[in-house]
Amino acid sequence: MLIRRERTGDAAAIDAVHRSAFARQSANAAVDATGLPADPPEVGLVRQLRDDSSAWMPTLSMVAEYHDHIVGHVCLTRAGVGPFPVLSLGPIGVRNDYQRSGVGAALMHAVLGAADALDEPLVGLLGSLEYYPRFGFVPGTRLGILPDRPSWSSHFQLRPLSAYDSEIKGEFHYADPFYVL
C-alpha cells in the first residue's frame, strides 16, 4: 500500500471511495431523481471542500493506493479557533472491501504526520469516541475548545500537534461546506 497526496484526476476514484465507505445499506436509503441510490453526503462534502479556496489544502488531501487502485482517502482542511488557524479532519473513508485492514490507520498516521511537519497546531474532528483516541485525539473540552454547534460537543475531539499552544482556546469553526451537510 502507498499513501500519497491526491493528484489531479483522482477525484472520481475518491468519490467512489466515499460512496463505498458511507453507502446506506437500508431499504430507507435516499434515492436521486433517476431512482438510483443518492450519494452519501461525504461525497459532496469533499467536492465542496475542494472548491473552497480558503479551506482546501492540497498538501493534506491523501489517498491510499493498493495495486494502482485508490482504496482510501482523507483530507484536512482549514478551520479556526477565534483568530487561530487550525485544521479539521474529514471525511476519512476506506472502500468497504478494504475496511478493517489498516488502511484507515495508515491514512491517519500519514495525514497527522504531514500536518505536524507543516507546523500546524491542532486537528479537530467529529467522530467515534472509540476509534480516534488511538491517534491521540482527546475531547475538546479538555483543551478548552468547543465546537460552534453545541449538538456536536459529545463527539468533538482534538489532536494537539507539536506546534500546539495552550493559548488556543474558544470556539472551533469548520470550513463553510461542513455546515451545509
Protein backbone atom coordinates (compact mmCIF):
# COMPACT_ATOMS: atom_id res chain seq x y z
CA MET A 1 0.00 0.00 0.00
CA LEU A 2 1.16 3.50 -0.86
CA ILE A 3 -0.05 6.67 0.86
CA ARG A 4 0.36 9.71 -1.36
CA ARG A 5 -1.07 13.16 -1.96
CA GLU A 6 -4.20 13.46 -4.04
CA ARG A 7 -3.42 14.21 -7.68
CA THR A 8 -5.36 15.85 -10.46
CA GLY A 9 -7.53 13.12 -11.92
CA ASP A 10 -8.12 11.31 -8.59
CA ALA A 11 -11.49 12.95 -7.88
CA ALA A 12 -13.71 10.24 -9.41
CA ALA A 13 -11.84 7.47 -7.56
CA ILE A 14 -12.08 9.47 -4.30
CA ASP A 15 -15.83 9.87 -4.86
CA ALA A 16 -16.05 6.10 -5.32
CA VAL A 17 -14.16 5.51 -2.06
CA HIS A 18 -16.56 7.69 -0.06
CA ARG A 19 -19.56 6.24 -1.91
CA SER A 20 -18.45 2.74 -0.88
CA ALA A 21 -17.39 3.69 2.65
CA PHE A 22 -20.58 5.57 3.53
CA ALA A 23 -23.20 3.76 1.42
CA ARG A 24 -26.52 3.48 3.19
CA GLN A 25 -27.43 -0.20 3.28
CA SER A 26 -31.12 0.02 4.11
CA ALA A 27 -34.46 -0.06 2.40
CA ASN A 28 -34.95 3.54 3.57
CA ALA A 29 -31.82 4.84 1.81
CA ALA A 30 -32.41 8.00 -0.21
CA VAL A 31 -32.60 7.84 -3.99
CA ASP A 32 -31.81 10.52 -6.56
CA ALA A 33 -34.08 11.77 -9.38
CA THR A 34 -33.17 8.75 -11.55
CA GLY A 35 -34.16 6.25 -8.85
CA LEU A 36 -30.54 5.31 -8.12
CA PRO A 37 -29.20 5.43 -4.57
CA ALA A 38 -28.26 9.00 -3.67
CA ASP A 39 -24.63 9.75 -2.90
CA PRO A 40 -23.78 9.86 0.78
CA PRO A 41 -23.18 13.45 1.99
CA GLU A 42 -19.45 12.80 2.33
CA VAL A 43 -19.08 12.61 -1.47
CA GLY A 44 -20.48 16.10 -1.92
CA LEU A 45 -18.60 17.42 1.09
CA VAL A 46 -15.22 16.52 -0.42
CA ARG A 47 -16.22 18.17 -3.70
CA GLN A 48 -17.36 21.34 -1.92
CA LEU A 49 -14.22 21.47 0.22
CA ARG A 50 -12.07 21.06 -2.89
CA ASP A 51 -13.86 24.08 -4.42
CA ASP A 52 -13.37 26.23 -1.29
CA SER A 53 -10.05 28.00 -1.78
CA SER A 54 -9.99 29.29 1.81
CA ALA A 55 -10.37 25.78 3.25
CA TRP A 56 -8.80 23.31 0.80
CA MET A 57 -5.21 22.30 1.46
CA PRO A 58 -3.99 20.13 -1.43
CA THR A 59 -0.92 19.04 0.52
CA LEU A 60 -3.20 17.50 3.15
CA SER A 61 -5.54 15.51 0.92
CA MET A 62 -4.16 11.97 0.79
CA VAL A 63 -5.11 8.68 -0.78
CA ALA A 64 -4.22 5.09 -0.06
CA GLU A 65 -3.34 3.22 -3.20
CA TYR A 66 -3.20 -0.57 -3.48
CA HIS A 67 -2.07 -2.12 -6.77
CA ASP A 68 -2.74 1.17 -8.61
CA HIS A 69 -6.28 1.46 -7.20
CA ILE A 70 -7.33 4.14 -4.74
CA VAL A 71 -8.87 2.38 -1.75
CA GLY A 72 -8.90 5.18 0.85
CA HIS A 73 -8.94 8.95 1.24
CA VAL A 74 -8.54 11.53 4.00
CA CYS A 75 -8.30 15.29 3.99
CA LEU A 76 -7.53 18.05 6.42
CA THR A 77 -8.97 21.48 5.74
CA ARG A 78 -8.52 24.91 7.24
CA ALA A 79 -10.62 25.66 10.31
CA GLY A 80 -10.28 28.21 13.07
CA VAL A 81 -10.45 28.78 16.79
CA GLY A 82 -11.02 32.51 17.16
CA PRO A 83 -8.06 34.16 15.43
CA PHE A 84 -6.00 30.95 15.37
CA PRO A 85 -5.79 28.90 12.16
CA VAL A 86 -6.19 25.19 12.88
CA LEU A 87 -7.24 22.11 10.89
CA SER A 88 -10.28 19.88 10.71
CA LEU A 89 -10.21 16.25 9.66
CA GLY A 90 -12.74 14.71 7.42
CA PRO A 91 -14.03 12.98 5.85
CA ILE A 92 -11.88 9.89 6.01
CA GLY A 93 -13.12 6.93 4.03
CA VAL A 94 -11.94 3.47 3.09
CA ARG A 95 -13.57 1.36 0.41
CA ASN A 96 -15.89 -1.17 2.00
CA ASP A 97 -13.84 -4.16 0.78
CA TYR A 98 -10.66 -2.74 2.40
CA GLN A 99 -12.09 -1.73 5.76
CA ARG A 100 -10.52 -3.26 8.88
CA SER A 101 -7.25 -3.89 7.04
CA GLY A 102 -5.19 -0.97 8.39
CA VAL A 103 -5.85 1.45 5.53
CA GLY A 104 -7.63 3.99 7.74
CA ALA A 105 -4.90 3.88 10.38
CA ALA A 106 -2.21 4.35 7.72
CA LEU A 107 -4.07 7.37 6.32
CA MET A 108 -4.48 8.86 9.81
CA HIS A 109 -0.79 8.50 10.67
CA ALA A 110 0.27 9.95 7.31
CA VAL A 111 -2.01 12.99 7.37
CA LEU A 112 -1.32 13.80 11.04
CA GLY A 113 2.43 13.48 10.40
CA ALA A 114 2.17 15.77 7.38
CA ALA A 115 0.21 18.38 9.37
CA ASP A 116 2.76 18.20 12.17
CA ALA A 117 5.60 18.69 9.67
CA LEU A 118 3.82 21.82 8.41
CA ASP A 119 3.80 23.22 11.98
CA GLU A 120 0.03 23.16 12.27
CA PRO A 121 -1.07 23.40 15.92
CA LEU A 122 -4.03 21.01 16.13
CA VAL A 123 -6.63 18.98 14.29
CA GLY A 124 -10.31 18.83 15.21
CA LEU A 125 -12.95 16.30 14.20
CA LEU A 126 -16.37 14.91 14.92
CA GLY A 127 -16.14 11.17 15.22
CA SER A 128 -16.12 7.91 17.08
CA LEU A 129 -15.09 8.10 20.71
CA GLU A 130 -13.78 4.53 20.39
CA TYR A 131 -11.70 4.94 17.21
CA TYR A 132 -9.96 8.32 17.25
CA PRO A 133 -8.36 8.35 20.74
CA ARG A 134 -5.86 5.75 19.49
CA PHE A 135 -4.41 8.56 17.33
CA GLY A 136 -4.08 10.97 20.25
CA PHE A 137 -7.47 12.69 19.97
CA VAL A 138 -8.99 13.97 23.21
CA PRO A 139 -12.34 15.62 23.99
CA GLY A 140 -12.26 19.29 23.00
CA THR A 141 -13.33 20.35 26.48
CA ARG A 142 -10.02 19.04 27.81
CA LEU A 143 -8.22 21.76 25.82
CA GLY A 144 -10.83 24.49 26.36
CA ILE A 145 -12.10 24.33 22.78
CA LEU A 146 -15.73 23.68 21.89
CA PRO A 147 -17.45 23.33 18.51
CA ASP A 148 -19.65 26.22 17.41
CA ARG A 149 -22.60 23.82 17.28
CA PRO A 150 -23.37 22.63 20.84
CA SER A 151 -25.03 19.47 19.49
CA TRP A 152 -21.61 18.38 18.22
CA SER A 153 -19.93 18.59 21.64
CA SER A 154 -20.31 14.93 22.59
CA HIS A 155 -18.21 13.70 19.63
CA PHE A 156 -15.93 16.70 19.13
CA GLN A 157 -12.26 15.77 19.58
CA LEU A 158 -8.88 17.43 19.11
CA ARG A 159 -5.38 16.21 18.38
CA PRO A 160 -2.72 18.67 19.54
CA LEU A 161 0.41 18.62 17.36
CA SER A 162 3.98 19.74 18.11
CA ALA A 163 3.19 23.41 17.40
CA TYR A 164 0.18 23.40 19.76
CA ASP A 165 -0.07 26.44 22.01
CA SER A 166 -2.22 26.27 25.14
CA GLU A 167 -3.36 29.85 24.40
CA ILE A 168 -5.56 28.41 21.65
CA LYS A 169 -8.97 28.33 23.34
CA GLY A 170 -12.53 29.13 22.39
CA GLU A 171 -14.96 28.16 19.70
CA PHE A 172 -13.94 25.84 16.85
CA HIS A 173 -15.30 26.78 13.43
CA TYR A 174 -15.18 24.38 10.47
CA ALA A 175 -14.90 25.41 6.83
CA ASP A 176 -18.26 26.55 5.45
CA PRO A 177 -19.06 23.35 3.48
CA PHE A 178 -19.37 21.41 6.75
CA TYR A 179 -22.44 23.46 7.65
CA VAL A 180 -24.45 22.55 4.54
CA LEU A 181 -24.46 18.79 5.12
